[in-house]
Amino acid sequence: MNYTYKTKGVCSSSIDFDLEGDIVRNVKFHGGCNGNLKAVSSLVDGLTVADITEKLENIRCGHKSTSCAHQLTIALNQALTEGK
């Protein structure tokens, strides 16, 4: 199923992704650090929500209390919970 998450406190404005059970596919960040976020999207494709959360949760960007990667974990866990 396709999801869109509106990010909070980061440069990207939203994240689109597909969730097939707990497998993540087709992550696309809108805005933010283009090259880095393309890399994150590529690296997480095919991983489970739990694996991504373990690696990316609580990563901070500079002085911010969050990051685009952390926002992805929030989005994925929210979508997984809503899908159940």
C-alpha atoms as a PDB file:
ATOM      1  CA  MET A   1       0.000   0.000   0.000  1.00  0.00           C
ATOM      2  CA  ASN A   2       1.224   3.524  -0.781  1.00  0.00           C
ATOM      3  CA  TYR A   3       1.675   6.068   2.013  1.00  0.00           C
ATOM      4  CA  THR A   4       2.583   9.746   2.222  1.00  0.00           C
ATOM      5  CA  TYR A   5       3.918  11.260   5.426  1.00  0.00           C
ATOM      6  CA  LYS A   6       4.247  15.008   6.040  1.00  0.00           C
ATOM      7  CA  THR A   7       7.550  15.494   7.851  1.00  0.00           C
ATOM      8  CA  LYS A   8       8.098  17.746  10.866  1.00  0.00           C
ATOM      9  CA  GLY A   9      11.220  19.749  11.746  1.00  0.00           C
ATOM     10  CA  VAL A  10      13.350  18.809   8.723  1.00  0.00           C
ATOM     11  CA  CYS A  11      14.170  20.182   5.272  1.00  0.00           C
ATOM     12  CA  SER A  12      12.188  17.576   3.344  1.00  0.00           C
ATOM     13  CA  SER A  13       8.460  18.317   3.234  1.00  0.00           C
ATOM     14  CA  SER A  14       7.126  14.783   2.848  1.00  0.00           C
ATOM     15  CA  ILE A  15       8.009  11.150   2.237  1.00  0.00           C
ATOM     16  CA  ASP A  16       6.209   8.727  -0.089  1.00  0.00           C
ATOM     17  CA  PHE A  17       6.708   4.983   0.262  1.00  0.00           C
ATOM     18  CA  ASP A  18       5.098   1.605  -0.313  1.00  0.00           C
ATOM     19  CA  LEU A  19       4.618  -0.918   2.449  1.00  0.00           C
ATOM     20  CA  GLU A  20       4.157  -4.572   1.504  1.00  0.00           C
ATOM     21  CA  GLY A  21       3.427  -6.190   4.860  1.00  0.00           C
ATOM     22  CA  ASP A  22       6.430  -4.921   6.801  1.00  0.00           C
ATOM     23  CA  ILE A  23       8.714  -4.606   3.749  1.00  0.00           C
ATOM     24  CA  VAL A  24       9.513  -1.074   2.564  1.00  0.00           C
ATOM     25  CA  ARG A  25       9.704  -0.171  -1.128  1.00  0.00           C
ATOM     26  CA  ASN A  26       9.936   2.935  -3.334  1.00  0.00           C
ATOM     27  CA  VAL A  27      10.889   5.544  -0.720  1.00  0.00           C
ATOM     28  CA  LYS A  28      10.899   9.083  -2.130  1.00  0.00           C
ATOM     29  CA  PHE A  29      11.709  12.194  -0.123  1.00  0.00           C
ATOM     30  CA  HIS A  30      10.393  15.552  -1.348  1.00  0.00           C
ATOM     31  CA  GLY A  31      12.894  18.315  -0.676  1.00  0.00           C
ATOM     32  CA  GLY A  32      15.889  17.995   1.606  1.00  0.00           C
ATOM     33  CA  CYS A  33      19.424  16.920   0.699  1.00  0.00           C
ATOM     34  CA  ASN A  34      18.784  15.329  -2.676  1.00  0.00           C
ATOM     35  CA  GLY A  35      21.831  13.059  -2.982  1.00  0.00           C
ATOM     36  CA  ASN A  36      21.834  11.871   0.616  1.00  0.00           C
ATOM     37  CA  LEU A  37      18.118  11.137   0.606  1.00  0.00           C
ATOM     38  CA  LYS A  38      18.363   9.221  -2.669  1.00  0.00           C
ATOM     39  CA  ALA A  39      21.068   7.126  -1.002  1.00  0.00           C
ATOM     40  CA  VAL A  40      18.904   6.506   2.084  1.00  0.00           C
ATOM     41  CA  SER A  41      15.987   5.537  -0.168  1.00  0.00           C
ATOM     42  CA  SER A  42      18.143   3.085  -2.093  1.00  0.00           C
ATOM     43  CA  LEU A  43      19.683   1.536   1.021  1.00  0.00           C
ATOM     44  CA  VAL A  44      16.367   0.890   2.789  1.00  0.00           C
ATOM     45  CA  ASP A  45      14.533  -0.570  -0.231  1.00  0.00           C
ATOM     46  CA  GLY A  46      13.504  -4.141   0.560  1.00  0.00           C
ATOM     47  CA  LEU A  47      14.258  -3.938   4.293  1.00  0.00           C
ATOM     48  CA  THR A  48      11.714  -4.426   7.063  1.00  0.00           C
ATOM     49  CA  VAL A  49      10.346  -1.568   9.116  1.00  0.00           C
ATOM     50  CA  ALA A  50      12.085  -3.050  12.181  1.00  0.00           C
ATOM     51  CA  ASP A  51      15.484  -3.196  10.428  1.00  0.00           C
ATOM     52  CA  ILE A  52      15.173   0.398   9.214  1.00  0.00           C
ATOM     53  CA  THR A  53      14.025   1.619  12.625  1.00  0.00           C
ATOM     54  CA  GLU A  54      16.955  -0.106  14.332  1.00  0.00           C
ATOM     55  CA  LYS A  55      19.450   1.649  12.046  1.00  0.00           C
ATOM     56  CA  LEU A  56      17.898   5.111  11.610  1.00  0.00           C
ATOM     57  CA  GLU A  57      15.801   5.919  14.678  1.00  0.00           C
ATOM     58  CA  ASN A  58      16.954   8.935  16.700  1.00  0.00           C
ATOM     59  CA  ILE A  59      19.528  10.140  14.172  1.00  0.00           C
ATOM     60  CA  ARG A  60      19.788  13.909  14.471  1.00  0.00           C
ATOM     61  CA  CYS A  61      20.591  16.520  11.833  1.00  0.00           C
ATOM     62  CA  GLY A  62      22.831  19.229  13.235  1.00  0.00           C
ATOM     63  CA  HIS A  63      21.151  20.969  16.168  1.00  0.00           C
ATOM     64  CA  LYS A  64      17.702  19.575  15.296  1.00  0.00           C
ATOM     65  CA  SER A  65      16.095  16.907  17.481  1.00  0.00           C
ATOM     66  CA  THR A  66      15.275  14.844  14.376  1.00  0.00           C
ATOM     67  CA  SER A  67      16.455  14.152  10.823  1.00  0.00           C
ATOM     68  CA  CYS A  68      14.930  13.029   7.559  1.00  0.00           C
ATOM     69  CA  ALA A  69      16.067   9.479   8.361  1.00  0.00           C
ATOM     70  CA  HIS A  70      14.404   9.643  11.787  1.00  0.00           C
ATOM     71  CA  GLN A  71      11.243  11.063  10.214  1.00  0.00           C
ATOM     72  CA  LEU A  72      11.236   8.032   7.892  1.00  0.00           C
ATOM     73  CA  THR A  73      11.195   5.688  10.891  1.00  0.00           C
ATOM     74  CA  ILE A  74       8.259   7.598  12.383  1.00  0.00           C
ATOM     75  CA  ALA A  75       6.378   7.410   9.076  1.00  0.00           C
ATOM     76  CA  LEU A  76       7.039   3.697   8.620  1.00  0.00           C
ATOM     77  CA  ASN A  77       6.014   2.731  12.138  1.00  0.00           C
ATOM     78  CA  GLN A  78       2.864   4.851  11.915  1.00  0.00           C
ATOM     79  CA  ALA A  79       1.911   3.258   8.585  1.00  0.00           C
ATOM     80  CA  LEU A  80       2.623  -0.233   9.926  1.00  0.00           C
ATOM     81  CA  THR A  81       0.424   0.393  12.961  1.00  0.00           C
ATOM     82  CA  GLU A  82      -2.396   1.878  10.857  1.00  0.00           C
ATOM     83  CA  GLY A  83      -2.214  -1.053   8.429  1.00  0.00           C
ATOM     84  CA  LYS A  84      -2.878  -3.632  11.134  1.00  0.00           C
END
